[in-house]
Amino acid sequence: MDQSRDRMYQLADDALTLKEAAADADPEFGTWGPFLGALVGIAYSGFVSWQVSSLMEDVPAAVAAHGIRLDACARAYQETDDDIAAQLDIVSSSLDDVAAMVQSQIC
């Protein structure tokens, strides 16, 4: 789980880099010239550019959030394992006491 968490954080960094690259690659409104820009630029700005930028805006935070969830899950599993180990130590100690009492009764 720790490796998965670390990988999610790396992917969040990669997504941030990708978000910045997408913003840099987004053409300006006038890239296609005045006539074609009026036809293509309006449609592009209104739909594609907005969709890409809005989708990419949330990706790094969403991926990092999965890393945070994995970390919380790993801690919860560790706490459960520690609790189980403590309870098994109590049972083992009790069994040792019972075995000592039986041994003293036999001998």
N, C-alpha and C. Protein backbone atom coordinates (compact mmCIF):
# COMPACT_ATOMS: atom_id res chain seq x y z
N MET A 1 0.82 -1.19 0.00
CA MET A 1 0.00 0.00 0.00
C MET A 1 0.87 1.26 0.00
N ASP A 2 1.98 1.18 0.72
CA ASP A 2 2.88 2.34 0.73
C ASP A 2 3.44 2.62 -0.66
N GLN A 3 3.78 1.55 -1.37
CA GLN A 3 4.28 1.75 -2.73
C GLN A 3 3.21 2.33 -3.64
N SER A 4 1.98 1.86 -3.48
CA SER A 4 0.88 2.39 -4.28
C SER A 4 0.64 3.86 -3.95
N ARG A 5 0.70 4.19 -2.67
CA ARG A 5 0.53 5.58 -2.26
C ARG A 5 1.60 6.46 -2.87
N ASP A 6 2.85 6.00 -2.78
CA ASP A 6 3.95 6.78 -3.35
C ASP A 6 3.79 6.95 -4.86
N ARG A 7 3.33 5.89 -5.52
CA ARG A 7 3.12 5.97 -6.97
C ARG A 7 2.00 6.96 -7.29
N MET A 8 0.96 6.99 -6.48
CA MET A 8 -0.13 7.94 -6.71
C MET A 8 0.38 9.38 -6.58
N TYR A 9 1.24 9.62 -5.62
CA TYR A 9 1.82 10.96 -5.48
C TYR A 9 2.69 11.32 -6.69
N GLN A 10 3.43 10.33 -7.21
CA GLN A 10 4.22 10.57 -8.42
C GLN A 10 3.31 10.88 -9.60
N LEU A 11 2.21 10.13 -9.70
CA LEU A 11 1.27 10.37 -10.78
C LEU A 11 0.61 11.74 -10.66
N ALA A 12 0.37 12.18 -9.43
CA ALA A 12 -0.19 13.52 -9.23
C ALA A 12 0.79 14.58 -9.72
N ASP A 13 2.07 14.38 -9.44
CA ASP A 13 3.08 15.30 -9.96
C ASP A 13 3.12 15.28 -11.49
N ASP A 14 3.02 14.07 -12.05
CA ASP A 14 3.00 13.94 -13.51
C ASP A 14 1.77 14.63 -14.10
N ALA A 15 0.64 14.49 -13.43
CA ALA A 15 -0.60 15.12 -13.91
C ALA A 15 -0.48 16.64 -13.85
N LEU A 16 0.19 17.15 -12.84
CA LEU A 16 0.40 18.59 -12.74
C LEU A 16 1.27 19.07 -13.91
N THR A 17 2.32 18.32 -14.21
CA THR A 17 3.17 18.65 -15.34
C THR A 17 2.39 18.60 -16.65
N LEU A 18 1.54 17.58 -16.79
CA LEU A 18 0.70 17.45 -17.98
C LEU A 18 -0.29 18.60 -18.08
N LYS A 19 -0.85 19.01 -16.95
CA LYS A 19 -1.78 20.14 -16.93
C LYS A 19 -1.08 21.42 -17.42
N GLU A 20 0.13 21.63 -16.94
CA GLU A 20 0.89 22.82 -17.37
C GLU A 20 1.25 22.74 -18.85
N ALA A 21 1.61 21.55 -19.33
CA ALA A 21 1.93 21.38 -20.75
C ALA A 21 0.70 21.61 -21.62
N ALA A 22 -0.46 21.15 -21.16
CA ALA A 22 -1.69 21.35 -21.91
C ALA A 22 -2.04 22.84 -21.97
N ALA A 23 -1.82 23.55 -20.89
CA ALA A 23 -2.09 24.99 -20.89
C ALA A 23 -1.13 25.71 -21.83
N ASP A 24 0.12 25.28 -21.86
CA ASP A 24 1.09 25.89 -22.77
C ASP A 24 0.77 25.59 -24.23
N ALA A 25 0.23 24.39 -24.49
CA ALA A 25 -0.06 23.98 -25.87
C ALA A 25 -1.37 24.55 -26.38
N ASP A 26 -2.19 25.10 -25.51
CA ASP A 26 -3.48 25.65 -25.92
C ASP A 26 -3.26 26.88 -26.79
N PRO A 27 -3.70 26.84 -28.04
CA PRO A 27 -3.46 27.98 -28.93
C PRO A 27 -4.28 29.20 -28.53
N GLU A 28 -3.74 30.34 -28.84
CA GLU A 28 -4.44 31.59 -28.59
C GLU A 28 -5.60 31.73 -29.57
N PHE A 29 -6.52 32.60 -29.24
CA PHE A 29 -7.71 32.78 -30.06
C PHE A 29 -7.37 33.16 -31.50
N GLY A 30 -6.39 34.01 -31.70
CA GLY A 30 -6.06 34.50 -33.03
C GLY A 30 -5.08 33.64 -33.80
N THR A 31 -4.77 32.45 -33.32
CA THR A 31 -3.79 31.58 -33.96
C THR A 31 -4.16 31.25 -35.41
N TRP A 32 -5.43 31.08 -35.68
CA TRP A 32 -5.86 30.67 -37.02
C TRP A 32 -6.10 31.86 -37.95
N GLY A 33 -5.79 33.04 -37.51
CA GLY A 33 -6.02 34.23 -38.34
C GLY A 33 -7.41 34.79 -38.09
N PRO A 34 -7.71 35.95 -38.68
CA PRO A 34 -8.97 36.61 -38.37
C PRO A 34 -10.20 35.86 -38.87
N PHE A 35 -10.17 35.38 -40.11
CA PHE A 35 -11.36 34.71 -40.66
C PHE A 35 -11.54 33.32 -40.05
N LEU A 36 -10.50 32.49 -40.17
CA LEU A 36 -10.56 31.14 -39.63
C LEU A 36 -10.66 31.17 -38.10
N GLY A 37 -10.02 32.17 -37.50
CA GLY A 37 -10.11 32.32 -36.05
C GLY A 37 -11.52 32.58 -35.59
N ALA A 38 -12.27 33.33 -36.39
CA ALA A 38 -13.67 33.59 -36.04
C ALA A 38 -14.49 32.31 -36.10
N LEU A 39 -14.18 31.45 -37.06
CA LEU A 39 -14.94 30.19 -37.18
C LEU A 39 -14.43 29.12 -36.22
N VAL A 40 -13.15 28.87 -36.31
CA VAL A 40 -12.57 27.78 -35.52
C VAL A 40 -12.27 28.22 -34.09
N GLY A 41 -11.72 29.42 -33.95
CA GLY A 41 -11.31 29.89 -32.62
C GLY A 41 -12.45 29.98 -31.63
N ILE A 42 -13.59 30.45 -32.08
CA ILE A 42 -14.74 30.56 -31.18
C ILE A 42 -15.20 29.18 -30.73
N ALA A 43 -15.31 28.28 -31.69
CA ALA A 43 -15.73 26.91 -31.35
C ALA A 43 -14.70 26.24 -30.44
N TYR A 44 -13.44 26.41 -30.80
CA TYR A 44 -12.38 25.79 -30.00
C TYR A 44 -12.38 26.36 -28.59
N SER A 45 -12.39 27.67 -28.47
CA SER A 45 -12.35 28.29 -27.15
C SER A 45 -13.58 27.95 -26.33
N GLY A 46 -14.70 27.90 -27.02
CA GLY A 46 -15.95 27.64 -26.31
C GLY A 46 -16.11 26.23 -25.83
N PHE A 47 -15.48 25.30 -26.50
CA PHE A 47 -15.70 23.91 -26.12
C PHE A 47 -14.42 23.18 -25.76
N VAL A 48 -13.55 22.99 -26.70
CA VAL A 48 -12.36 22.15 -26.49
C VAL A 48 -11.45 22.75 -25.43
N SER A 49 -11.07 24.00 -25.61
CA SER A 49 -10.15 24.63 -24.67
C SER A 49 -10.72 24.62 -23.26
N TRP A 50 -11.98 24.96 -23.14
CA TRP A 50 -12.62 25.01 -21.82
C TRP A 50 -12.71 23.63 -21.22
N GLN A 51 -13.10 22.63 -22.03
CA GLN A 51 -13.22 21.26 -21.53
C GLN A 51 -11.87 20.73 -21.05
N VAL A 52 -10.85 20.91 -21.87
CA VAL A 52 -9.52 20.39 -21.51
C VAL A 52 -9.01 21.07 -20.26
N SER A 53 -9.10 22.38 -20.21
CA SER A 53 -8.57 23.08 -19.03
C SER A 53 -9.36 22.76 -17.77
N SER A 54 -10.68 22.64 -17.89
CA SER A 54 -11.47 22.34 -16.69
C SER A 54 -11.24 20.90 -16.22
N LEU A 55 -11.10 19.98 -17.17
CA LEU A 55 -10.82 18.59 -16.79
C LEU A 55 -9.43 18.46 -16.18
N MET A 56 -8.46 19.09 -16.79
CA MET A 56 -7.09 18.98 -16.30
C MET A 56 -6.90 19.71 -14.97
N GLU A 57 -7.76 20.65 -14.68
CA GLU A 57 -7.63 21.40 -13.43
C GLU A 57 -7.75 20.49 -12.21
N ASP A 58 -8.64 19.51 -12.29
CA ASP A 58 -8.93 18.66 -11.14
C ASP A 58 -8.10 17.38 -11.07
N VAL A 59 -7.46 17.01 -12.14
CA VAL A 59 -6.76 15.73 -12.19
C VAL A 59 -5.64 15.61 -11.14
N PRO A 60 -4.72 16.57 -11.03
CA PRO A 60 -3.65 16.40 -10.03
C PRO A 60 -4.18 16.24 -8.60
N ALA A 61 -5.17 17.05 -8.24
CA ALA A 61 -5.72 16.96 -6.88
C ALA A 61 -6.47 15.64 -6.67
N ALA A 62 -7.16 15.18 -7.70
CA ALA A 62 -7.90 13.92 -7.57
C ALA A 62 -6.96 12.73 -7.41
N VAL A 63 -5.88 12.73 -8.16
CA VAL A 63 -4.91 11.63 -8.05
C VAL A 63 -4.21 11.68 -6.68
N ALA A 64 -3.85 12.88 -6.23
CA ALA A 64 -3.22 13.01 -4.91
C ALA A 64 -4.18 12.57 -3.81
N ALA A 65 -5.48 12.83 -3.99
CA ALA A 65 -6.47 12.43 -2.99
C ALA A 65 -6.51 10.91 -2.85
N HIS A 66 -6.33 10.20 -3.96
CA HIS A 66 -6.27 8.73 -3.87
C HIS A 66 -5.04 8.29 -3.08
N GLY A 67 -3.94 9.00 -3.23
CA GLY A 67 -2.76 8.71 -2.43
C GLY A 67 -3.02 8.91 -0.95
N ILE A 68 -3.73 9.96 -0.62
CA ILE A 68 -4.08 10.24 0.78
C ILE A 68 -4.98 9.13 1.32
N ARG A 69 -5.94 8.69 0.50
CA ARG A 69 -6.83 7.59 0.93
C ARG A 69 -6.06 6.30 1.15
N LEU A 70 -5.11 6.01 0.26
CA LEU A 70 -4.30 4.81 0.43
C LEU A 70 -3.48 4.88 1.71
N ASP A 71 -2.95 6.06 2.01
CA ASP A 71 -2.19 6.24 3.24
C ASP A 71 -3.07 6.01 4.47
N ALA A 72 -4.26 6.55 4.45
CA ALA A 72 -5.19 6.36 5.58
C ALA A 72 -5.58 4.90 5.72
N CYS A 73 -5.77 4.23 4.59
CA CYS A 73 -6.12 2.81 4.62
C CYS A 73 -4.97 1.99 5.19
N ALA A 74 -3.76 2.30 4.79
CA ALA A 74 -2.59 1.57 5.31
C ALA A 74 -2.45 1.76 6.81
N ARG A 75 -2.67 2.98 7.28
CA ARG A 75 -2.61 3.23 8.73
C ARG A 75 -3.69 2.45 9.47
N ALA A 76 -4.89 2.40 8.90
CA ALA A 76 -5.99 1.66 9.54
C ALA A 76 -5.66 0.17 9.61
N TYR A 77 -5.12 -0.38 8.52
CA TYR A 77 -4.72 -1.79 8.53
C TYR A 77 -3.63 -2.03 9.58
N GLN A 78 -2.67 -1.12 9.68
CA GLN A 78 -1.59 -1.28 10.65
C GLN A 78 -2.13 -1.26 12.07
N GLU A 79 -3.05 -0.34 12.34
CA GLU A 79 -3.66 -0.28 13.68
C GLU A 79 -4.41 -1.58 14.00
N THR A 80 -5.13 -2.10 13.00
CA THR A 80 -5.86 -3.37 13.20
C THR A 80 -4.88 -4.50 13.45
N ASP A 81 -3.81 -4.56 12.67
CA ASP A 81 -2.79 -5.60 12.88
C ASP A 81 -2.17 -5.50 14.27
N ASP A 82 -1.90 -4.28 14.72
CA ASP A 82 -1.32 -4.08 16.05
C ASP A 82 -2.29 -4.53 17.13
N ASP A 83 -3.58 -4.21 16.97
CA ASP A 83 -4.59 -4.64 17.94
C ASP A 83 -4.70 -6.16 17.99
N ILE A 84 -4.71 -6.80 16.82
CA ILE A 84 -4.79 -8.26 16.77
C ILE A 84 -3.56 -8.88 17.42
N ALA A 85 -2.38 -8.33 17.15
CA ALA A 85 -1.15 -8.85 17.75
C ALA A 85 -1.19 -8.72 19.27
N ALA A 86 -1.71 -7.60 19.77
CA ALA A 86 -1.81 -7.40 21.22
C ALA A 86 -2.77 -8.43 21.83
N GLN A 87 -3.90 -8.67 21.17
CA GLN A 87 -4.86 -9.66 21.68
C GLN A 87 -4.28 -11.07 21.63
N LEU A 88 -3.53 -11.39 20.59
CA LEU A 88 -2.90 -12.70 20.51
C LEU A 88 -1.83 -12.87 21.58
N ASP A 89 -1.14 -11.80 21.94
CA ASP A 89 -0.16 -11.87 23.03
C ASP A 89 -0.86 -12.19 24.35
N ILE A 90 -2.03 -11.58 24.56
CA ILE A 90 -2.81 -11.87 25.78
C ILE A 90 -3.23 -13.32 25.81
N VAL A 91 -3.73 -13.84 24.67
CA VAL A 91 -4.14 -15.24 24.59
C VAL A 91 -2.94 -16.16 24.82
N SER A 92 -1.81 -15.84 24.22
CA SER A 92 -0.61 -16.65 24.38
C SER A 92 -0.17 -16.68 25.84
N SER A 93 -0.20 -15.52 26.47
CA SER A 93 0.19 -15.44 27.89
C SER A 93 -0.77 -16.27 28.74
N SER A 94 -2.06 -16.20 28.44
CA SER A 94 -3.04 -16.98 29.19
C SER A 94 -2.81 -18.48 28.99
N LEU A 95 -2.50 -18.86 27.77
CA LEU A 95 -2.24 -20.28 27.50
C LEU A 95 -0.98 -20.75 28.23
N ASP A 96 0.02 -19.88 28.31
CA ASP A 96 1.23 -20.23 29.06
C ASP A 96 0.90 -20.43 30.53
N ASP A 97 0.05 -19.57 31.07
CA ASP A 97 -0.36 -19.71 32.48
C ASP A 97 -1.12 -21.01 32.70
N VAL A 98 -2.03 -21.33 31.77
CA VAL A 98 -2.79 -22.59 31.88
C VAL A 98 -1.85 -23.78 31.77
N ALA A 99 -0.92 -23.72 30.84
CA ALA A 99 0.03 -24.83 30.68
C ALA A 99 0.88 -24.98 31.93
N ALA A 100 1.28 -23.90 32.56
CA ALA A 100 2.07 -23.98 33.80
C ALA A 100 1.24 -24.60 34.92
N MET A 101 -0.04 -24.22 35.01
CA MET A 101 -0.90 -24.79 36.06
C MET A 101 -1.12 -26.28 35.86
N VAL A 102 -1.35 -26.68 34.61
CA VAL A 102 -1.55 -28.10 34.30
C VAL A 102 -0.26 -28.87 34.60
N GLN A 103 0.86 -28.30 34.22
CA GLN A 103 2.14 -28.95 34.46
C GLN A 103 2.38 -29.13 35.97
N SER A 104 2.00 -28.11 36.76
CA SER A 104 2.20 -28.22 38.21
C SER A 104 1.25 -29.25 38.82
N GLN A 105 0.09 -29.43 38.23
CA GLN A 105 -0.87 -30.41 38.73
C GLN A 105 -0.43 -31.84 38.40
N ILE A 106 0.22 -31.99 37.27
CA ILE A 106 0.65 -33.32 36.83
C ILE A 106 1.86 -33.76 37.62
N CYS A 107 2.77 -32.86 37.87
CA CYS A 107 4.01 -33.24 38.52
C CYS A 107 3.88 -33.22 39.98
